[in-house]
Amino acid sequence: MRLKEMRKQNVVISDAKSGINMAIKVSMSNSSLFSSAAPGGYISIPRKKLLKKIETGGARINAWVDSMKASSPTHIKSSGSISATEDQGSWILHHPSALSMFEQITNASKGKQIVMFLDYDGTLSPIVDDPDRAFMSDAMRATVRDVARYFPTAIVSGRCRDKVYSFVRLAELYYAGSHGMDIKGPAKGRKYKKGNQGVLFQPASEFLPMIDEVYTTLLEKTKSTPGAKVENNKFCVSVHFRCVDEKSWSALAEQVRSVLKEYPKLLLTQGRKVLEIRPTIKWDKGKALEFLLESLGFADCNDVLPVYIGDDRTDEDAFKVLRERGQGLGILVSKIPKDTNASYSLQEPSEARTFANT
């Protein structure tokens, strides 16, 4: 997709009939409304008619809860994990450690311009109970700073761009917040002459008032659920349930559903222990990756090697783009085998830092 086409990105609401049929089919087959099939890599719930169907029975809410369990590391045998017949060794064979394959990766990068894309939570920082305390270490910050000296480097996160910047505090990077719906580049000091310095792109800006409304409403709705935390990520609202007792997940899902049904232009997706409400537009971390490559002047180059490191379901959109391009490396950070479009794996953020240092 060319840069001009991206800038003209319009809101696209999924077809009601096909969307409903798809959602019902998936929920019957695997009890999950969050399987891949919609913008962002998951079944979306963008229509009042579909939400009305969910409203008619506890089975639909149970499907939400099943998917919430799937995002928990304690529920390994979930729809987000590999099948029971595929063991750890087999998974590693297909997704070898990026550290053990470093020589092969180095050979693939010879004569090419590397462009680094890094998720934040679970990649540069550990996953913590309080999302406001997901601090990266000084050692990790130094590593990212060193990487940016040699390669164009972007942080791509579901978090609000300003929040991610407050964690990272490196002005020389590109930042793509809200799953790529809020992109800004460094205003000065770049040695990369291609592309637009200080690029700012917000394809969902018209949704800002709506997102603020939803955030305020969810704050009030979820007060009765101990441990629930609602985060305004500017272009999306995140409802964290990491600290919510599992017995209360159904009630929390119902609270979120009751708000979402009033906003047919918003959809629900799920990340790692988080429910996320965002605009129904064809935009995700994969689109953000393409946009940044275009902005840097590398979209149609054969001598570029994008490297994307991430740990979450939402990073799969970027992994998929790299796989479809047949150009670039996707690296999944996970201790648990998962279905993924990434080519390589790393166990935890410390290994991501080792890889980048190497």
Protein backbone atom coordinates (compact mmCIF):
# COMPACT_ATOMS: atom_id res chain seq x y z
CA MET A 1 0.00 0.00 0.00
CA ARG A 2 1.39 3.37 -1.00
CA LEU A 3 1.74 6.27 1.42
CA LYS A 4 -0.93 8.37 -0.34
CA GLU A 5 -3.36 5.46 -0.18
CA MET A 6 -2.66 5.04 3.53
CA ARG A 7 -3.28 8.72 4.22
CA LYS A 8 -6.69 8.40 2.52
CA GLN A 9 -7.61 5.36 4.62
CA ASN A 10 -11.37 5.41 5.21
CA VAL A 11 -13.46 3.87 7.94
CA VAL A 12 -14.74 0.48 6.79
CA ILE A 13 -17.59 -1.16 8.64
CA SER A 14 -17.77 -4.91 8.13
CA ASP A 15 -20.78 -6.34 6.34
CA ALA A 16 -23.45 -7.16 8.88
CA LYS A 17 -24.58 -10.44 7.37
CA SER A 18 -21.16 -11.92 6.70
CA GLY A 19 -19.80 -10.61 10.00
CA ILE A 20 -22.58 -12.28 11.96
CA ASN A 21 -22.30 -15.58 10.14
CA MET A 22 -18.56 -15.59 10.64
CA ALA A 23 -18.73 -14.84 14.35
CA ILE A 24 -21.39 -17.46 15.01
CA LYS A 25 -19.48 -20.08 13.09
CA VAL A 26 -16.28 -19.44 15.01
CA SER A 27 -17.97 -19.36 18.40
CA MET A 28 -19.55 -22.73 17.70
CA SER A 29 -16.31 -24.29 16.55
CA ASN A 30 -13.91 -23.10 19.22
CA SER A 31 -15.91 -21.12 21.77
CA SER A 32 -14.01 -17.96 20.95
CA LEU A 33 -15.08 -14.67 19.43
CA PHE A 34 -11.49 -13.55 19.10
CA SER A 35 -10.10 -15.90 16.45
CA SER A 36 -8.35 -14.52 13.36
CA ALA A 37 -10.72 -13.23 10.71
CA ALA A 38 -11.09 -9.47 11.06
CA PRO A 39 -9.06 -6.24 11.08
CA GLY A 40 -6.47 -6.59 13.82
CA GLY A 41 -6.34 -10.36 13.35
CA TYR A 42 -9.45 -11.24 15.37
CA ILE A 43 -13.17 -11.63 14.97
CA SER A 44 -14.61 -8.19 15.55
CA ILE A 45 -17.99 -7.43 17.10
CA PRO A 46 -18.87 -4.22 15.28
CA ARG A 47 -22.63 -4.57 14.82
CA LYS A 48 -25.55 -4.00 17.17
CA LYS A 49 -27.32 -6.96 15.62
CA LEU A 50 -24.50 -9.30 16.57
CA LEU A 51 -24.32 -7.86 20.05
CA LYS A 52 -28.05 -8.43 20.40
CA LYS A 53 -27.46 -12.09 19.66
CA ILE A 54 -24.77 -12.16 22.32
CA GLU A 55 -27.18 -10.46 24.67
CA THR A 56 -29.78 -13.22 24.37
CA GLY A 57 -27.84 -15.91 26.20
CA GLY A 58 -25.11 -16.56 28.73
CA ALA A 59 -23.40 -18.85 26.22
CA ARG A 60 -22.10 -15.87 24.26
CA ILE A 61 -20.67 -14.20 27.35
CA ASN A 62 -19.12 -17.56 28.23
CA ALA A 63 -17.39 -17.43 24.86
CA TRP A 64 -15.87 -14.09 25.83
CA VAL A 65 -14.71 -15.58 29.13
CA ASP A 66 -13.22 -18.61 27.37
CA SER A 67 -11.18 -16.25 25.22
CA MET A 68 -10.13 -14.26 28.29
CA LYS A 69 -8.84 -17.52 29.76
CA ALA A 70 -6.98 -18.17 26.53
CA SER A 71 -4.90 -15.04 27.06
CA SER A 72 -3.78 -16.23 30.50
CA PRO A 73 -0.44 -18.06 30.73
CA THR A 74 -2.06 -20.45 33.24
CA HIS A 75 -4.42 -21.72 30.53
CA ILE A 76 -1.84 -23.26 28.22
CA LYS A 77 -4.26 -25.57 26.42
CA SER A 78 -6.24 -22.70 24.94
CA SER A 79 -7.20 -21.59 21.47
CA GLY A 80 -4.19 -19.26 21.56
CA SER A 81 -1.77 -22.13 22.09
CA ILE A 82 -0.62 -24.88 19.80
CA SER A 83 -2.53 -28.13 19.63
CA ALA A 84 -1.95 -30.73 22.31
CA THR A 85 -0.28 -33.03 19.78
CA GLU A 86 2.49 -30.55 19.08
CA ASP A 87 5.09 -30.50 21.83
CA GLN A 88 7.62 -27.87 22.79
CA GLY A 89 10.41 -29.49 20.79
CA SER A 90 8.36 -29.58 17.59
CA TRP A 91 7.37 -25.93 18.03
CA ILE A 92 10.98 -24.85 18.56
CA LEU A 93 11.94 -26.78 15.43
CA HIS A 94 9.56 -24.60 13.41
CA HIS A 95 10.30 -21.41 15.37
CA PRO A 96 13.94 -21.71 16.41
CA SER A 97 15.56 -19.35 18.86
CA ALA A 98 16.75 -16.15 17.20
CA LEU A 99 19.85 -16.40 19.40
CA SER A 100 20.81 -19.88 18.22
CA MET A 101 20.12 -18.85 14.61
CA PHE A 102 21.96 -15.55 14.86
CA GLU A 103 24.59 -16.47 12.24
CA GLN A 104 21.88 -17.36 9.74
CA ILE A 105 20.07 -14.10 10.47
CA THR A 106 23.31 -12.16 10.07
CA ASN A 107 23.96 -13.78 6.70
CA ALA A 108 20.42 -12.86 5.56
CA SER A 109 21.05 -9.22 6.52
CA LYS A 110 24.29 -8.77 4.59
CA GLY A 111 24.08 -5.90 2.14
CA LYS A 112 20.64 -4.89 3.44
CA GLN A 113 19.33 -1.98 5.48
CA ILE A 114 17.88 -3.33 8.72
CA VAL A 115 14.81 -1.56 10.10
CA MET A 116 13.89 -2.51 13.67
CA PHE A 117 10.31 -2.69 14.97
CA LEU A 118 9.82 -3.40 18.67
CA ASP A 119 6.70 -4.03 20.72
CA TYR A 120 6.86 -2.63 24.26
CA ASP A 121 5.00 -4.65 26.91
CA GLY A 122 6.41 -8.16 27.17
CA THR A 123 9.20 -7.34 24.71
CA LEU A 124 11.13 -4.37 26.09
CA SER A 125 9.57 -4.58 29.55
CA PRO A 126 8.28 -7.50 31.61
CA ILE A 127 4.55 -8.11 31.93
CA VAL A 128 3.48 -6.71 35.32
CA ASP A 129 0.22 -6.59 37.27
CA ASP A 130 0.02 -2.79 37.13
CA PRO A 131 0.34 -1.56 33.51
CA ASP A 132 1.39 1.87 34.80
CA ARG A 133 4.52 0.27 36.25
CA ALA A 134 5.70 -1.59 33.14
CA PHE A 135 9.10 0.07 33.28
CA MET A 136 11.95 -0.96 31.02
CA SER A 137 15.36 -1.41 32.59
CA ASP A 138 18.20 1.03 32.09
CA ALA A 139 20.11 -1.76 30.38
CA MET A 140 17.27 -2.31 27.91
CA ARG A 141 17.03 1.43 27.23
CA ALA A 142 20.77 1.55 26.52
CA THR A 143 20.41 -1.39 24.14
CA VAL A 144 17.57 0.25 22.21
CA ARG A 145 19.55 3.48 22.04
CA ASP A 146 22.52 1.61 20.59
CA VAL A 147 20.33 -0.18 18.02
CA ALA A 148 18.87 3.16 16.91
CA ARG A 149 22.38 4.49 16.22
CA TYR A 150 22.74 1.98 13.42
CA PHE A 151 19.19 1.24 12.22
CA PRO A 152 15.90 3.13 11.92
CA THR A 153 14.00 1.93 15.00
CA ALA A 154 10.32 2.10 15.89
CA ILE A 155 8.32 1.18 18.98
CA VAL A 156 4.94 -0.26 17.94
CA SER A 157 2.53 -0.65 20.85
CA GLY A 158 -1.12 -0.85 21.78
CA ARG A 159 -0.40 1.76 24.41
CA CYS A 160 -0.98 5.48 24.00
CA ARG A 161 2.01 6.96 22.16
CA ASP A 162 2.70 9.50 24.91
CA LYS A 163 2.64 6.74 27.56
CA VAL A 164 5.12 4.61 25.62
CA TYR A 165 7.40 7.60 25.14
CA SER A 166 7.29 8.30 28.89
CA PHE A 167 8.56 4.75 29.45
CA VAL A 168 11.22 4.68 26.72
CA ARG A 169 12.40 8.32 26.73
CA LEU A 170 14.43 8.10 23.53
CA ALA A 171 13.71 11.01 21.17
CA GLU A 172 15.53 9.44 18.23
CA LEU A 173 12.95 6.68 17.73
CA TYR A 174 9.71 6.41 15.78
CA TYR A 175 6.67 5.74 17.97
CA ALA A 176 3.49 4.03 16.78
CA GLY A 177 0.95 4.00 19.61
CA SER A 178 -2.63 2.72 19.81
CA HIS A 179 -1.81 -0.27 17.59
CA GLY A 180 -0.30 2.02 14.96
CA MET A 181 -3.16 4.53 14.86
CA ASP A 182 -0.93 7.29 16.26
CA ILE A 183 2.48 7.50 14.55
CA LYS A 184 5.16 10.09 15.09
CA GLY A 185 8.79 10.20 14.03
CA PRO A 186 11.78 12.12 15.41
CA ALA A 187 11.69 15.80 14.51
CA LYS A 188 15.44 16.18 14.18
CA GLY A 189 18.77 14.52 14.59
CA ARG A 190 18.13 11.69 12.12
CA LYS A 191 20.90 10.39 9.94
CA TYR A 192 18.39 8.59 7.71
CA LYS A 193 17.78 10.98 4.84
CA LYS A 194 14.89 9.08 3.30
CA GLY A 195 11.34 9.70 4.41
CA ASN A 196 9.59 12.45 6.31
CA GLN A 197 11.20 13.76 9.45
CA GLY A 198 8.71 14.33 12.23
CA VAL A 199 6.06 12.30 10.38
CA LEU A 200 2.70 12.34 12.15
CA PHE A 201 -0.12 10.05 11.05
CA GLN A 202 -3.46 9.44 12.79
CA PRO A 203 -5.86 7.49 10.54
CA ALA A 204 -8.61 7.31 13.20
CA SER A 205 -8.62 10.90 14.50
CA GLU A 206 -12.39 11.29 13.98
CA PHE A 207 -12.96 8.62 16.63
CA LEU A 208 -11.29 10.53 19.47
CA PRO A 209 -14.52 11.97 21.01
CA MET A 210 -16.15 8.53 20.86
CA ILE A 211 -13.15 6.84 22.49
CA ASP A 212 -13.20 9.41 25.30
CA GLU A 213 -16.89 8.70 25.89
CA VAL A 214 -16.32 4.97 26.07
CA TYR A 215 -13.39 5.43 28.45
CA THR A 216 -15.43 7.56 30.84
CA THR A 217 -18.37 5.14 30.74
CA LEU A 218 -16.20 2.07 31.31
CA LEU A 219 -14.47 3.72 34.25
CA GLU A 220 -17.86 4.01 35.93
CA LYS A 221 -19.14 0.59 34.82
CA THR A 222 -16.12 -1.38 36.04
CA LYS A 223 -15.89 0.23 39.48
CA SER A 224 -17.76 -2.75 40.91
CA THR A 225 -15.13 -5.23 39.65
CA PRO A 226 -12.10 -5.32 41.96
CA GLY A 227 -8.78 -5.34 40.08
CA ALA A 228 -10.18 -4.10 36.77
CA LYS A 229 -8.20 -1.24 35.26
CA VAL A 230 -9.39 0.88 32.35
CA GLU A 231 -6.70 2.64 30.32
CA ASN A 232 -7.27 5.37 27.76
CA ASN A 233 -4.80 4.71 24.95
CA LYS A 234 -6.07 7.67 22.92
CA PHE A 235 -7.35 5.75 19.91
CA CYS A 236 -8.42 2.67 21.84
CA VAL A 237 -9.59 1.79 25.34
CA SER A 238 -7.96 -1.10 27.19
CA VAL A 239 -9.67 -3.00 30.01
CA HIS A 240 -6.99 -4.91 31.92
CA PHE A 241 -8.17 -7.95 33.86
CA ARG A 242 -4.80 -9.34 35.00
CA CYS A 243 -5.66 -8.52 38.61
CA VAL A 244 -9.33 -9.54 38.40
CA ASP A 245 -10.41 -12.76 40.09
CA GLU A 246 -11.34 -15.28 37.41
CA LYS A 247 -14.76 -15.71 39.00
CA SER A 248 -15.48 -12.08 38.09
CA TRP A 249 -14.46 -12.29 34.45
CA SER A 250 -18.00 -13.02 33.30
CA ALA A 251 -19.32 -9.93 35.09
CA LEU A 252 -16.53 -7.82 33.60
CA ALA A 253 -17.26 -9.14 30.10
CA GLU A 254 -20.92 -8.21 30.58
CA GLN A 255 -19.95 -4.69 31.66
CA VAL A 256 -17.80 -4.22 28.56
CA ARG A 257 -20.53 -5.68 26.33
CA SER A 258 -23.15 -3.33 27.75
CA VAL A 259 -21.02 -0.35 26.75
CA LEU A 260 -19.87 -1.64 23.38
CA LYS A 261 -23.41 -2.32 22.15
CA GLU A 262 -24.02 1.44 22.05
CA TYR A 263 -21.12 2.04 19.66
CA PRO A 264 -21.53 0.10 16.38
CA LYS A 265 -18.46 1.79 14.87
CA LEU A 266 -16.18 0.27 17.48
CA LEU A 267 -14.97 -3.31 17.74
CA LEU A 268 -13.61 -5.56 20.45
CA THR A 269 -10.28 -7.37 20.22
CA GLN A 270 -8.19 -9.06 22.84
CA GLY A 271 -4.56 -8.99 23.82
CA ARG A 272 -2.62 -10.50 26.69
CA LYS A 273 -4.96 -10.27 29.72
CA VAL A 274 -6.65 -7.21 28.20
CA LEU A 275 -9.89 -6.46 26.34
CA GLU A 276 -9.47 -3.66 23.81
CA ILE A 277 -12.10 -1.47 22.18
CA ARG A 278 -10.98 0.35 19.07
CA PRO A 279 -12.25 1.89 15.82
CA THR A 280 -13.50 -0.38 13.06
CA ILE A 281 -10.95 0.65 10.47
CA LYS A 282 -8.55 -1.40 8.43
CA TRP A 283 -5.54 -0.47 10.49
CA ASP A 284 -3.28 -2.47 12.79
CA LYS A 285 0.37 -3.02 13.63
CA GLY A 286 0.98 -4.58 10.23
CA LYS A 287 -0.37 -1.48 8.47
CA ALA A 288 1.79 0.67 10.75
CA LEU A 289 4.86 -1.33 9.74
CA GLU A 290 4.05 -0.80 6.06
CA PHE A 291 3.43 2.90 6.62
CA LEU A 292 6.76 3.40 8.38
CA LEU A 293 8.65 1.51 5.68
CA GLU A 294 6.97 3.74 3.10
CA SER A 295 7.79 6.87 5.12
CA LEU A 296 11.44 5.82 5.30
CA GLY A 297 11.55 5.19 1.56
CA PHE A 298 12.00 1.43 1.87
CA ALA A 299 8.61 0.15 0.71
CA ASP A 300 9.76 -1.12 -2.69
CA CYS A 301 13.40 -1.81 -1.88
CA ASN A 302 14.94 -5.26 -2.20
CA ASP A 303 17.86 -4.30 0.02
CA VAL A 304 15.87 -3.74 3.22
CA LEU A 305 15.35 -6.23 6.05
CA PRO A 306 12.55 -5.32 8.48
CA VAL A 307 12.89 -7.09 11.85
CA TYR A 308 9.83 -7.13 14.12
CA ILE A 309 10.02 -8.40 17.72
CA GLY A 310 6.78 -8.77 19.68
CA ASP A 311 4.96 -11.01 22.14
CA ASP A 312 1.23 -10.37 21.74
CA ARG A 313 -1.65 -11.44 19.50
CA THR A 314 -1.75 -7.96 18.01
CA ASP A 315 1.85 -8.37 16.82
CA GLU A 316 0.69 -11.20 14.58
CA ASP A 317 -0.59 -8.61 12.08
CA ALA A 318 3.00 -7.40 11.63
CA PHE A 319 4.40 -10.94 11.48
CA LYS A 320 1.84 -11.74 8.78
CA VAL A 321 2.85 -8.70 6.71
CA LEU A 322 6.51 -9.76 6.80
CA ARG A 323 5.65 -13.32 5.84
CA GLU A 324 3.46 -12.16 2.93
CA ARG A 325 6.18 -9.77 1.75
CA GLY A 326 8.67 -12.63 1.79
CA GLN A 327 11.04 -10.07 3.23
CA GLY A 328 11.89 -9.53 6.86
CA LEU A 329 12.04 -11.45 10.13
CA GLY A 330 9.29 -11.88 12.70
CA ILE A 331 10.44 -12.87 16.19
CA LEU A 332 7.90 -13.94 18.84
CA VAL A 333 8.78 -13.42 22.51
CA SER A 334 7.06 -16.24 24.40
CA LYS A 335 7.82 -19.04 26.83
CA ILE A 336 4.70 -20.85 25.69
CA PRO A 337 4.35 -22.39 22.21
CA LYS A 338 1.67 -20.50 20.23
CA ASP A 339 0.29 -20.43 16.73
CA THR A 340 2.26 -17.63 15.09
CA ASN A 341 3.38 -16.15 11.79
CA ALA A 342 6.78 -15.36 13.30
CA SER A 343 9.82 -17.21 11.97
CA TYR A 344 11.89 -17.19 15.15
CA SER A 345 11.34 -17.06 18.89
CA LEU A 346 12.82 -15.67 22.09
CA GLN A 347 11.85 -16.69 25.61
CA GLU A 348 11.62 -13.33 27.39
CA PRO A 349 12.62 -9.64 27.26
CA SER A 350 16.12 -10.40 28.57
CA GLU A 351 16.70 -12.58 25.50
CA ALA A 352 15.38 -9.79 23.28
CA ARG A 353 18.01 -7.49 24.82
CA THR A 354 20.73 -10.10 24.28
CA PHE A 355 19.67 -10.50 20.65
CA ALA A 356 19.71 -6.75 20.05
CA ASN A 357 23.08 -6.38 21.78
CA THR A 358 24.56 -9.17 19.71
